[in-house]
Amino acid sequence: YYCAARSVASCPGSRGMQQSAYDVW
């Protein structure tokens, strides 16, 4: 299990599962 942070306040499309939208893992 991994967590990832996105430098945007909202979850990305595709129910938050768009991996390319996350910046830090």
PDB file of all heavy atoms in Angstrom:
ATOM      1  N   TYR A   1       0.820  -1.200   0.000  1.00  0.00           N
ATOM      2  CA  TYR A   1       0.000   0.000   0.000  1.00  0.00           C
ATOM      3  C   TYR A   1       0.858   1.256   0.000  1.00  0.00           C
ATOM      4  O   TYR A   1       1.806   1.375   0.781  1.00  0.00           O
ATOM      5  CB  TYR A   1      -0.929   0.010   1.213  1.00  0.00           C
ATOM      6  CG  TYR A   1      -2.119  -0.908   1.059  1.00  0.00           C
ATOM      7  CD1 TYR A   1      -1.979  -2.287   1.126  1.00  0.00           C
ATOM      8  CD2 TYR A   1      -3.393  -0.393   0.832  1.00  0.00           C
ATOM      9  CE1 TYR A   1      -3.060  -3.129   0.967  1.00  0.00           C
ATOM     10  CE2 TYR A   1      -4.486  -1.225   0.678  1.00  0.00           C
ATOM     11  CZ  TYR A   1      -4.318  -2.590   0.747  1.00  0.00           C
ATOM     12  OH  TYR A   1      -5.402  -3.432   0.595  1.00  0.00           O
ATOM     13  N   TYR A   2       0.503   2.192  -0.864  1.00  0.00           N
ATOM     14  CA  TYR A   2       1.220   3.454  -1.006  1.00  0.00           C
ATOM     15  C   TYR A   2       0.271   4.617  -0.783  1.00  0.00           C
ATOM     16  O   TYR A   2      -0.908   4.548  -1.128  1.00  0.00           O
ATOM     17  CB  TYR A   2       1.805   3.612  -2.416  1.00  0.00           C
ATOM     18  CG  TYR A   2       2.748   2.529  -2.864  1.00  0.00           C
ATOM     19  CD1 TYR A   2       2.272   1.355  -3.432  1.00  0.00           C
ATOM     20  CD2 TYR A   2       4.122   2.705  -2.750  1.00  0.00           C
ATOM     21  CE1 TYR A   2       3.142   0.366  -3.862  1.00  0.00           C
ATOM     22  CE2 TYR A   2       4.996   1.719  -3.184  1.00  0.00           C
ATOM     23  CZ  TYR A   2       4.504   0.554  -3.738  1.00  0.00           C
ATOM     24  OH  TYR A   2       5.373  -0.418  -4.173  1.00  0.00           O
ATOM     25  N   CYS A   3       0.793   5.695  -0.245  1.00  0.00           N
ATOM     26  CA  CYS A   3       0.055   6.945  -0.263  1.00  0.00           C
ATOM     27  C   CYS A   3       0.766   7.919  -1.184  1.00  0.00           C
ATOM     28  O   CYS A   3       1.960   7.795  -1.451  1.00  0.00           O
ATOM     29  CB  CYS A   3      -0.115   7.541   1.139  1.00  0.00           C
ATOM     30  SG  CYS A   3       1.404   8.056   1.951  1.00  0.00           S
ATOM     31  N   ALA A   4       0.021   8.864  -1.696  1.00  0.00           N
ATOM     32  CA  ALA A   4       0.558   9.847  -2.625  1.00  0.00           C
ATOM     33  C   ALA A   4      -0.134  11.176  -2.410  1.00  0.00           C
ATOM     34  O   ALA A   4      -1.317  11.228  -2.076  1.00  0.00           O
ATOM     35  CB  ALA A   4       0.370   9.377  -4.070  1.00  0.00           C
ATOM     36  N   ALA A   5       0.613  12.248  -2.610  1.00  0.00           N
ATOM     37  CA  ALA A   5       0.098  13.597  -2.423  1.00  0.00           C
ATOM     38  C   ALA A   5      -0.007  14.320  -3.751  1.00  0.00           C
ATOM     39  O   ALA A   5       0.883  14.206  -4.600  1.00  0.00           O
ATOM     40  CB  ALA A   5       1.001  14.388  -1.473  1.00  0.00           C
ATOM     41  N   ARG A   6      -1.080  15.042  -3.906  1.00  0.00           N
ATOM     42  CA  ARG A   6      -1.307  15.855  -5.088  1.00  0.00           C
ATOM     43  C   ARG A   6      -1.329  17.318  -4.677  1.00  0.00           C
ATOM     44  O   ARG A   6      -2.058  17.687  -3.753  1.00  0.00           O
ATOM     45  CB  ARG A   6      -2.638  15.478  -5.740  1.00  0.00           C
ATOM     46  CG  ARG A   6      -2.939  16.217  -7.030  1.00  0.00           C
ATOM     47  CD  ARG A   6      -4.376  16.018  -7.455  1.00  0.00           C
ATOM     48  NE  ARG A   6      -4.644  16.581  -8.774  1.00  0.00           N
ATOM     49  CZ  ARG A   6      -5.843  16.957  -9.204  1.00  0.00           C
ATOM     50  NH1 ARG A   6      -6.898  16.826  -8.403  1.00  0.00           N
ATOM     51  NH2 ARG A   6      -5.987  17.451 -10.422  1.00  0.00           N
ATOM     52  N   SER A   7      -0.544  18.146  -5.375  1.00  0.00           N
ATOM     53  CA  SER A   7      -0.441  19.553  -5.021  1.00  0.00           C
ATOM     54  C   SER A   7      -1.639  20.360  -5.524  1.00  0.00           C
ATOM     55  O   SER A   7      -1.497  21.467  -6.043  1.00  0.00           O
ATOM     56  CB  SER A   7       0.867  20.147  -5.555  1.00  0.00           C
ATOM     57  OG  SER A   7       0.962  19.973  -6.958  1.00  0.00           O
ATOM     58  N   VAL A   8      -2.802  19.796  -5.367  1.00  0.00           N
ATOM     59  CA  VAL A   8      -4.078  20.411  -5.684  1.00  0.00           C
ATOM     60  C   VAL A   8      -5.028  19.979  -4.582  1.00  0.00           C
ATOM     61  O   VAL A   8      -4.925  18.871  -4.060  1.00  0.00           O
ATOM     62  CB  VAL A   8      -4.601  19.971  -7.069  1.00  0.00           C
ATOM     63  CG1 VAL A   8      -5.973  20.582  -7.346  1.00  0.00           C
ATOM     64  CG2 VAL A   8      -3.622  20.368  -8.162  1.00  0.00           C
ATOM     65  N   ALA A   9      -5.956  20.821  -4.245  1.00  0.00           N
ATOM     66  CA  ALA A   9      -6.821  20.546  -3.108  1.00  0.00           C
ATOM     67  C   ALA A   9      -7.804  19.407  -3.360  1.00  0.00           C
ATOM     68  O   ALA A   9      -8.164  18.673  -2.433  1.00  0.00           O
ATOM     69  CB  ALA A   9      -7.582  21.809  -2.709  1.00  0.00           C
ATOM     70  N   SER A  10      -8.254  19.260  -4.584  1.00  0.00           N
ATOM     71  CA  SER A  10      -9.285  18.287  -4.897  1.00  0.00           C
ATOM     72  C   SER A  10      -8.694  16.994  -5.436  1.00  0.00           C
ATOM     73  O   SER A  10      -7.600  16.965  -5.989  1.00  0.00           O
ATOM     74  CB  SER A  10     -10.272  18.869  -5.909  1.00  0.00           C
ATOM     75  OG  SER A  10      -9.612  19.194  -7.122  1.00  0.00           O
ATOM     76  N   CYS A  11      -9.448  15.918  -5.282  1.00  0.00           N
ATOM     77  CA  CYS A  11      -9.053  14.652  -5.877  1.00  0.00           C
ATOM     78  C   CYS A  11      -9.180  14.746  -7.390  1.00  0.00           C
ATOM     79  O   CYS A  11     -10.077  15.414  -7.905  1.00  0.00           O
ATOM     80  CB  CYS A  11      -9.927  13.519  -5.353  1.00  0.00           C
ATOM     81  SG  CYS A  11      -9.693  13.132  -3.601  1.00  0.00           S
ATOM     82  N   PRO A  12      -8.305  14.065  -8.114  1.00  0.00           N
ATOM     83  CA  PRO A  12      -8.391  14.117  -9.571  1.00  0.00           C
ATOM     84  C   PRO A  12      -9.577  13.325 -10.084  1.00  0.00           C
ATOM     85  O   PRO A  12     -10.290  12.662  -9.326  1.00  0.00           O
ATOM     86  CB  PRO A  12      -7.062  13.497 -10.015  1.00  0.00           C
ATOM     87  CG  PRO A  12      -6.707  12.566  -8.906  1.00  0.00           C
ATOM     88  CD  PRO A  12      -7.186  13.240  -7.652  1.00  0.00           C
ATOM     89  N   GLY A  13      -9.774  13.379 -11.401  1.00  0.00           N
ATOM     90  CA  GLY A  13     -10.841  12.613 -12.000  1.00  0.00           C
ATOM     91  C   GLY A  13     -10.614  11.124 -11.843  1.00  0.00           C
ATOM     92  O   GLY A  13      -9.639  10.674 -11.234  1.00  0.00           O
ATOM     93  N   SER A  14     -11.536  10.358 -12.387  1.00  0.00           N
ATOM     94  CA  SER A  14     -11.482   8.897 -12.279  1.00  0.00           C
ATOM     95  C   SER A  14     -11.492   8.446 -10.827  1.00  0.00           C
ATOM     96  O   SER A  14     -10.755   7.549 -10.417  1.00  0.00           O
ATOM     97  CB  SER A  14     -10.263   8.332 -13.010  1.00  0.00           C
ATOM     98  OG  SER A  14     -10.268   8.681 -14.375  1.00  0.00           O
ATOM     99  N   ARG A  15     -12.309   9.104 -10.042  1.00  0.00           N
ATOM    100  CA  ARG A  15     -12.486   8.791  -8.629  1.00  0.00           C
ATOM    101  C   ARG A  15     -11.188   8.830  -7.844  1.00  0.00           C
ATOM    102  O   ARG A  15     -10.970   8.035  -6.932  1.00  0.00           O
ATOM    103  CB  ARG A  15     -13.197   7.446  -8.466  1.00  0.00           C
ATOM    104  CG  ARG A  15     -14.609   7.429  -9.034  1.00  0.00           C
ATOM    105  CD  ARG A  15     -15.351   6.162  -8.672  1.00  0.00           C
ATOM    106  NE  ARG A  15     -14.766   4.993  -9.292  1.00  0.00           N
ATOM    107  CZ  ARG A  15     -15.180   3.750  -9.107  1.00  0.00           C
ATOM    108  NH1 ARG A  15     -16.211   3.515  -8.301  1.00  0.00           N
ATOM    109  NH2 ARG A  15     -14.582   2.743  -9.716  1.00  0.00           N
ATOM    110  N   GLY A  16     -10.320   9.762  -8.218  1.00  0.00           N
ATOM    111  CA  GLY A  16      -9.088   9.966  -7.484  1.00  0.00           C
ATOM    112  C   GLY A  16      -7.988   8.981  -7.788  1.00  0.00           C
ATOM    113  O   GLY A  16      -6.954   8.988  -7.114  1.00  0.00           O
ATOM    114  N   MET A  17      -8.158   8.146  -8.802  1.00  0.00           N
ATOM    115  CA  MET A  17      -7.220   7.064  -9.071  1.00  0.00           C
ATOM    116  C   MET A  17      -6.258   7.343 -10.216  1.00  0.00           C
ATOM    117  O   MET A  17      -5.527   6.444 -10.623  1.00  0.00           O
ATOM    118  CB  MET A  17      -7.993   5.783  -9.362  1.00  0.00           C
ATOM    119  CG  MET A  17      -8.926   5.378  -8.232  1.00  0.00           C
ATOM    120  SD  MET A  17      -9.929   3.932  -8.655  1.00  0.00           S
ATOM    121  CE  MET A  17     -11.270   4.126  -7.488  1.00  0.00           C
ATOM    122  N   GLN A  18      -6.227   8.547 -10.713  1.00  0.00           N
ATOM    123  CA  GLN A  18      -5.319   8.922 -11.789  1.00  0.00           C
ATOM    124  C   GLN A  18      -3.928   9.118 -11.197  1.00  0.00           C
ATOM    125  O   GLN A  18      -3.619  10.161 -10.621  1.00  0.00           O
ATOM    126  CB  GLN A  18      -5.801  10.187 -12.485  1.00  0.00           C
ATOM    127  CG  GLN A  18      -4.959  10.592 -13.680  1.00  0.00           C
ATOM    128  CD  GLN A  18      -5.514  11.834 -14.361  1.00  0.00           C
ATOM    129  OE1 GLN A  18      -6.701  12.147 -14.259  1.00  0.00           O
ATOM    130  NE2 GLN A  18      -4.656  12.549 -15.061  1.00  0.00           N
ATOM    131  N   GLN A  19      -3.080   8.136 -11.359  1.00  0.00           N
ATOM    132  CA  GLN A  19      -1.789   8.135 -10.700  1.00  0.00           C
ATOM    133  C   GLN A  19      -0.887   9.282 -11.146  1.00  0.00           C
ATOM    134  O   GLN A  19      -0.113   9.811 -10.349  1.00  0.00           O
ATOM    135  CB  GLN A  19      -1.075   6.799 -10.931  1.00  0.00           C
ATOM    136  CG  GLN A  19      -1.825   5.611 -10.348  1.00  0.00           C
ATOM    137  CD  GLN A  19      -1.073   4.310 -10.503  1.00  0.00           C
ATOM    138  OE1 GLN A  19       0.151   4.265 -10.376  1.00  0.00           O
ATOM    139  NE2 GLN A  19      -1.805   3.239 -10.757  1.00  0.00           N
ATOM    140  N   SER A  20      -0.992   9.675 -12.416  1.00  0.00           N
ATOM    141  CA  SER A  20      -0.143  10.741 -12.922  1.00  0.00           C
ATOM    142  C   SER A  20      -0.462  12.090 -12.301  1.00  0.00           C
ATOM    143  O   SER A  20       0.323  13.029 -12.425  1.00  0.00           O
ATOM    144  CB  SER A  20      -0.269  10.832 -14.451  1.00  0.00           C
ATOM    145  OG  SER A  20      -1.593  11.150 -14.836  1.00  0.00           O
ATOM    146  N   ALA A  21      -1.583  12.200 -11.631  1.00  0.00           N
ATOM    147  CA  ALA A  21      -1.978  13.457 -11.014  1.00  0.00           C
ATOM    148  C   ALA A  21      -1.300  13.695  -9.668  1.00  0.00           C
ATOM    149  O   ALA A  21      -1.410  14.789  -9.119  1.00  0.00           O
ATOM    150  CB  ALA A  21      -3.495  13.500 -10.836  1.00  0.00           C
ATOM    151  N   TYR A  22      -0.619  12.706  -9.148  1.00  0.00           N
ATOM    152  CA  TYR A  22       0.020  12.812  -7.836  1.00  0.00           C
ATOM    153  C   TYR A  22       1.508  13.106  -7.973  1.00  0.00           C
ATOM    154  O   TYR A  22       2.181  12.575  -8.864  1.00  0.00           O
ATOM    155  CB  TYR A  22      -0.208  11.535  -7.031  1.00  0.00           C
ATOM    156  CG  TYR A  22      -1.662  11.333  -6.682  1.00  0.00           C
ATOM    157  CD1 TYR A  22      -2.522  10.689  -7.558  1.00  0.00           C
ATOM    158  CD2 TYR A  22      -2.173  11.808  -5.474  1.00  0.00           C
ATOM    159  CE1 TYR A  22      -3.869  10.522  -7.246  1.00  0.00           C
ATOM    160  CE2 TYR A  22      -3.508  11.639  -5.156  1.00  0.00           C
ATOM    161  CZ  TYR A  22      -4.351  10.997  -6.040  1.00  0.00           C
ATOM    162  OH  TYR A  22      -5.682  10.832  -5.724  1.00  0.00           O
ATOM    163  N   ASP A  23       2.010  13.940  -7.081  1.00  0.00           N
ATOM    164  CA  ASP A  23       3.366  14.470  -7.201  1.00  0.00           C
ATOM    165  C   ASP A  23       4.390  13.794  -6.294  1.00  0.00           C
ATOM    166  O   ASP A  23       5.557  13.681  -6.660  1.00  0.00           O
ATOM    167  CB  ASP A  23       3.357  15.971  -6.891  1.00  0.00           C
ATOM    168  CG  ASP A  23       2.376  16.742  -7.747  1.00  0.00           C
ATOM    169  OD1 ASP A  23       2.515  16.697  -8.984  1.00  0.00           O
ATOM    170  OD2 ASP A  23       1.465  17.387  -7.170  1.00  0.00           O
ATOM    171  N   VAL A  24       3.978  13.377  -5.122  1.00  0.00           N
ATOM    172  CA  VAL A  24       4.883  12.795  -4.143  1.00  0.00           C
ATOM    173  C   VAL A  24       4.339  11.442  -3.712  1.00  0.00           C
ATOM    174  O   VAL A  24       3.154  11.322  -3.393  1.00  0.00           O
ATOM    175  CB  VAL A  24       5.049  13.708  -2.908  1.00  0.00           C
ATOM    176  CG1 VAL A  24       6.067  13.121  -1.938  1.00  0.00           C
ATOM    177  CG2 VAL A  24       5.481  15.107  -3.331  1.00  0.00           C
ATOM    178  N   TRP A  25       5.208  10.449  -3.672  1.00  0.00           N
ATOM    179  CA  TRP A  25       4.822   9.090  -3.318  1.00  0.00           C
ATOM    180  C   TRP A  25       5.635   8.575  -2.148  1.00  0.00           C
ATOM    181  O   TRP A  25       6.826   8.864  -2.028  1.00  0.00           O
ATOM    182  CB  TRP A  25       5.009   8.149  -4.503  1.00  0.00           C
ATOM    183  CG  TRP A  25       4.040   8.394  -5.619  1.00  0.00           C
ATOM    184  CD1 TRP A  25       4.085   9.400  -6.542  1.00  0.00           C
ATOM    185  CD2 TRP A  25       2.885   7.615  -5.926  1.00  0.00           C
ATOM    186  NE1 TRP A  25       3.022   9.299  -7.404  1.00  0.00           N
ATOM    187  CE2 TRP A  25       2.267   8.210  -7.053  1.00  0.00           C
ATOM    188  CE3 TRP A  25       2.307   6.474  -5.372  1.00  0.00           C
ATOM    189  CZ2 TRP A  25       1.103   7.695  -7.624  1.00  0.00           C
ATOM    190  CZ3 TRP A  25       1.147   5.957  -5.931  1.00  0.00           C
ATOM    191  CH2 TRP A  25       0.564   6.568  -7.049  1.00  0.00           C
TER     192      TRP A  25
END
